[in-house]
């Protein structure tokens, strides 16, 4: 069965593109095929770092969004990653409702993963509650991502009625650790993929590369929980 991953959270700056990039690197390093789409017309972070794997689509245009379904039909079984820009949920939900998209994916043998990336603020909780209310389809797999790079304390969220509701819907819960801010900036300003950063001996010293490897290993372990796989950092990182 294929999977289509909608990486969202609606709120800007919570780490949606970071999660899409991590998921892409996870697939690449574990030799798992995927095709990516980037809905962010202003920054296009996902497609910038993974040019060979991701292409832009326009969320306001149904014909453009339809390319996600066309891809699923033309490449059966391949995973699809869709990086959703902030404030795109209304148009996406209209496309889903008007076209019966979840039923189409089910017909094509695809499971829909709705990833909600969170900081530790109240807005992320409110948006998660709205997501759970809007999507009642039985086959949808929710993945709740607590991004420690955008929040220090998720205790209130974990004890909330919204998290309890998500658990009742069999949501997966994962935590992404924070990578040192200066090091993340160094990666982004250099336009490195995470693999390139972990192996770049010219611009990054040995402790920086090791720090990235530890962070990636932890991130891959968490992603494996969401995907029901047991993959950690591939051995080629350790050469």
Protein backbone atom coordinates (compact mmCIF):
# COMPACT_ATOMS: atom_id res chain seq x y z
CA UNK A 1 0.00 0.00 0.00
CA UNK A 2 1.23 3.48 -0.86
CA UNK A 3 1.11 6.44 1.49
CA UNK A 4 0.50 10.11 0.86
CA UNK A 5 1.88 12.36 3.57
CA UNK A 6 0.35 15.82 3.99
CA UNK A 7 2.86 17.69 6.17
CA UNK A 8 0.85 20.47 7.78
CA UNK A 9 0.16 22.43 10.89
CA UNK A 10 -1.33 25.52 9.28
CA UNK A 11 0.64 27.85 11.55
CA UNK A 12 3.80 29.43 10.12
CA UNK A 13 7.20 28.71 11.63
CA UNK A 14 6.40 25.43 13.40
CA UNK A 15 8.73 23.30 11.28
CA UNK A 16 6.57 21.89 8.48
CA UNK A 17 9.27 22.13 5.81
CA UNK A 18 11.87 20.83 8.26
CA UNK A 19 9.72 17.75 8.83
CA UNK A 20 9.20 17.28 5.09
CA UNK A 21 12.97 17.51 4.57
CA UNK A 22 13.63 14.99 7.33
CA UNK A 23 11.06 12.60 5.91
CA UNK A 24 12.56 12.97 2.44
CA UNK A 25 16.06 12.27 3.79
CA UNK A 26 14.71 9.29 5.69
CA UNK A 27 13.32 7.81 2.48
CA UNK A 28 16.45 8.57 0.47
CA UNK A 29 18.85 7.09 3.00
CA UNK A 30 16.77 3.95 3.43
CA UNK A 31 16.36 3.59 -0.36
CA UNK A 32 12.60 4.05 -0.23
CA UNK A 33 11.07 5.64 -3.32
CA UNK A 34 9.03 8.82 -2.98
CA UNK A 35 7.88 11.88 -4.91
CA UNK A 36 7.50 15.27 -3.23
CA UNK A 37 5.36 18.36 -3.77
CA UNK A 38 5.90 21.83 -2.34
CA UNK A 39 2.96 24.23 -1.93
CA UNK A 40 4.98 27.15 -0.56
CA UNK A 41 5.15 29.66 -3.41
CA UNK A 42 7.09 32.28 -1.43
CA UNK A 43 9.93 30.20 -0.02
CA UNK A 44 9.76 26.72 -1.54
CA UNK A 45 12.13 25.35 1.12
CA UNK A 46 11.32 21.69 0.51
CA UNK A 47 11.80 21.84 -3.26
CA UNK A 48 14.94 24.00 -2.84
CA UNK A 49 16.75 21.41 -0.72
CA UNK A 50 15.39 18.36 -2.56
CA UNK A 51 15.19 19.61 -6.14
CA UNK A 52 15.53 16.15 -7.67
CA UNK A 53 12.63 14.79 -5.66
CA UNK A 54 10.12 17.61 -5.13
CA UNK A 55 8.32 20.01 -7.44
CA UNK A 56 6.04 23.00 -6.76
CA UNK A 57 2.24 22.86 -6.93
CA UNK A 58 -0.34 25.60 -6.41
CA UNK A 59 -2.76 24.86 -3.60
CA UNK A 60 -5.29 27.42 -4.89
CA UNK A 61 -5.54 25.53 -8.20
CA UNK A 62 -7.46 22.23 -8.23
CA UNK A 63 -5.78 21.19 -11.49
CA UNK A 64 -2.40 21.64 -9.83
CA UNK A 65 -3.41 19.72 -6.72
CA UNK A 66 -4.77 16.95 -8.93
CA UNK A 67 -1.15 16.17 -9.83
CA UNK A 68 -0.84 14.50 -6.43
CA UNK A 69 -3.55 12.00 -7.38
CA UNK A 70 -2.19 11.58 -10.91
CA UNK A 71 1.19 10.73 -9.40
CA UNK A 72 -0.40 8.10 -7.16
CA UNK A 73 -2.16 6.56 -10.15
CA UNK A 74 0.90 6.59 -12.39
CA UNK A 75 3.32 5.37 -9.70
CA UNK A 76 1.32 2.86 -7.63
CA UNK A 77 2.75 2.14 -4.21
CA UNK A 78 5.22 5.03 -4.15
CA UNK A 79 5.17 7.32 -1.13
CA UNK A 80 4.17 10.94 -1.76
CA UNK A 81 5.22 13.84 0.47
CA UNK A 82 3.28 17.12 0.29
CA UNK A 83 4.79 20.05 2.19
CA UNK A 84 1.89 22.37 3.04
CA UNK A 85 2.58 26.07 3.42
CA UNK A 86 1.00 28.04 6.25
CA UNK A 87 -2.65 29.01 5.86
CA UNK A 88 -3.37 26.57 3.04
CA UNK A 89 -5.78 24.29 4.89
CA UNK A 90 -8.97 25.95 3.68
CA UNK A 91 -8.15 25.46 -0.01
CA UNK A 92 -6.79 21.96 0.58
CA UNK A 93 -9.88 20.91 2.51
CA UNK A 94 -12.11 22.30 -0.22
CA UNK A 95 -10.22 20.20 -2.78
CA UNK A 96 -10.51 17.13 -0.55
CA UNK A 97 -14.24 17.58 0.06
CA UNK A 98 -15.29 18.66 -3.43
CA UNK A 99 -13.40 15.83 -5.12
CA UNK A 100 -13.81 13.02 -2.58
CA UNK A 101 -10.02 12.78 -2.54
CA UNK A 102 -9.72 10.37 0.38
CA UNK A 103 -12.02 7.92 -1.40
CA UNK A 104 -9.91 8.25 -4.55
CA UNK A 105 -6.74 7.48 -2.61
CA UNK A 106 -8.42 4.47 -1.02
CA UNK A 107 -9.41 3.21 -4.47
CA UNK A 108 -5.79 3.58 -5.59
CA UNK A 109 -4.57 1.63 -2.56
CA UNK A 110 -3.17 4.64 -0.72
CA UNK A 111 -3.39 5.49 2.96
CA UNK A 112 -3.54 9.17 3.86
CA UNK A 113 -1.20 10.42 6.59
CA UNK A 114 -2.07 13.82 8.05
CA UNK A 115 1.00 15.20 9.83
CA UNK A 116 0.33 18.03 12.30
CA UNK A 117 3.55 19.84 13.24
CA UNK A 118 3.30 21.73 16.53
CA UNK A 119 5.05 24.29 18.65
CA UNK A 120 4.08 24.46 22.33
CA UNK A 121 1.59 27.30 21.92
CA UNK A 122 -2.19 27.34 22.23
CA UNK A 123 -2.68 28.04 18.51
CA UNK A 124 -1.14 24.71 17.53
CA UNK A 125 -3.51 22.95 19.91
CA UNK A 126 -6.52 24.78 18.53
CA UNK A 127 -5.50 23.94 14.97
CA UNK A 128 -5.02 20.28 15.87
CA UNK A 129 -8.49 20.15 17.38
CA UNK A 130 -9.90 21.65 14.18
CA UNK A 131 -8.01 19.10 12.06
CA UNK A 132 -9.42 16.20 14.07
CA UNK A 133 -12.93 17.60 13.73
CA UNK A 134 -12.72 18.14 9.98
CA UNK A 135 -11.29 14.77 9.01
CA UNK A 136 -13.34 11.86 10.30
CA UNK A 137 -12.39 9.39 7.57
CA UNK A 138 -11.64 5.97 9.09
CA UNK A 139 -8.55 5.32 6.99
CA UNK A 140 -6.75 8.56 7.85
CA UNK A 141 -3.61 8.19 9.97
CA UNK A 142 -2.85 11.25 12.09
CA UNK A 143 0.76 11.95 13.08
CA UNK A 144 1.27 14.56 15.81
CA UNK A 145 4.78 16.03 15.82
CA UNK A 146 6.03 17.95 18.86
CA UNK A 147 8.88 20.02 17.50
CA UNK A 148 11.34 20.82 20.29
CA UNK A 149 13.00 23.29 17.95
CA UNK A 150 9.86 25.43 18.26
CA UNK A 151 8.88 24.74 21.84
CA UNK A 152 10.43 23.69 25.14
CA UNK A 153 7.49 22.27 27.10
CA UNK A 154 4.66 20.18 25.64
CA UNK A 155 3.32 18.94 28.98
CA UNK A 156 0.12 20.98 28.70
CA UNK A 157 -0.51 19.61 25.21
CA UNK A 158 0.08 16.02 26.28
CA UNK A 159 -2.45 16.37 29.11
CA UNK A 160 -5.06 18.15 26.99
CA UNK A 161 -8.48 16.86 25.86
CA UNK A 162 -7.28 17.41 22.28
CA UNK A 163 -4.42 14.93 22.68
CA UNK A 164 -6.82 12.52 24.34
CA UNK A 165 -9.11 12.87 21.33
CA UNK A 166 -6.18 12.23 19.00
CA UNK A 167 -5.28 9.08 20.94
CA UNK A 168 -8.84 7.85 20.51
CA UNK A 169 -8.33 8.30 16.76
CA UNK A 170 -5.18 6.12 16.98
CA UNK A 171 -2.87 9.02 16.17
CA UNK A 172 0.88 8.52 16.24
CA UNK A 173 2.85 10.88 18.49
CA UNK A 174 6.49 11.69 17.83
CA UNK A 175 8.99 14.26 19.11
CA UNK A 176 11.68 15.97 17.03
CA UNK A 177 14.65 17.12 19.06
CA UNK A 178 16.20 20.52 18.52
CA UNK A 179 19.37 20.87 16.48
CA UNK A 180 21.64 23.70 17.63
CA UNK A 181 20.28 26.90 16.05
CA UNK A 182 23.63 28.09 14.74
CA UNK A 183 24.25 24.71 13.13
CA UNK A 184 20.81 24.62 11.52
CA UNK A 185 21.44 28.10 10.11
CA UNK A 186 24.77 26.91 8.73
CA UNK A 187 23.05 24.01 6.95
CA UNK A 188 20.28 26.21 5.54
CA UNK A 189 22.49 29.07 4.38
CA UNK A 190 24.75 26.56 2.62
CA UNK A 191 21.73 24.85 0.95
CA UNK A 192 22.93 21.47 2.21
CA UNK A 193 20.74 18.42 2.34
CA UNK A 194 20.98 16.74 5.73
CA UNK A 195 23.13 13.97 4.21
CA UNK A 196 25.49 16.55 2.72
CA UNK A 197 25.73 18.36 6.05
CA UNK A 198 26.48 15.16 7.94
CA UNK A 199 29.28 14.30 5.51
CA UNK A 200 30.72 17.69 4.56
CA UNK A 201 34.32 17.77 5.75
CA UNK A 202 35.11 21.15 4.17
CA UNK A 203 32.56 23.42 5.86
CA UNK A 204 31.70 21.50 9.02
CA UNK A 205 34.10 20.22 11.64
CA UNK A 206 33.99 16.73 13.09
CA UNK A 207 31.94 17.66 16.17
CA UNK A 208 29.38 19.54 14.03
CA UNK A 209 29.03 16.57 11.71
CA UNK A 210 28.67 14.22 14.66
CA UNK A 211 26.03 16.47 16.23
CA UNK A 212 24.03 16.34 12.99
CA UNK A 213 24.36 12.54 12.84
CA UNK A 214 23.09 12.15 16.40
CA UNK A 215 20.16 14.46 15.67
CA UNK A 216 19.34 12.62 12.45
CA UNK A 217 19.55 9.26 14.16
CA UNK A 218 17.07 10.41 16.82
CA UNK A 219 14.80 11.97 14.19
CA UNK A 220 14.84 8.85 12.01
CA UNK A 221 13.95 6.72 15.01
CA UNK A 222 10.93 8.92 15.70
CA UNK A 223 9.87 8.91 12.04
CA UNK A 224 10.09 5.13 12.08
CA UNK A 225 7.51 5.08 14.87
CA UNK A 226 5.08 7.02 12.71
CA UNK A 227 5.74 4.84 9.68
CA UNK A 228 5.75 1.57 11.64
CA UNK A 229 9.29 0.80 10.58
CA UNK A 230 12.49 0.36 12.56
CA UNK A 231 15.03 2.39 10.66
CA UNK A 232 17.82 4.43 12.19
CA UNK A 233 20.78 6.21 10.65
CA UNK A 234 22.14 4.19 7.70
CA UNK A 235 25.70 2.92 8.00
CA UNK A 236 26.94 5.18 5.18
CA UNK A 237 26.73 8.13 7.60
CA UNK A 238 29.28 6.51 9.84
CA UNK A 239 32.00 5.96 7.23
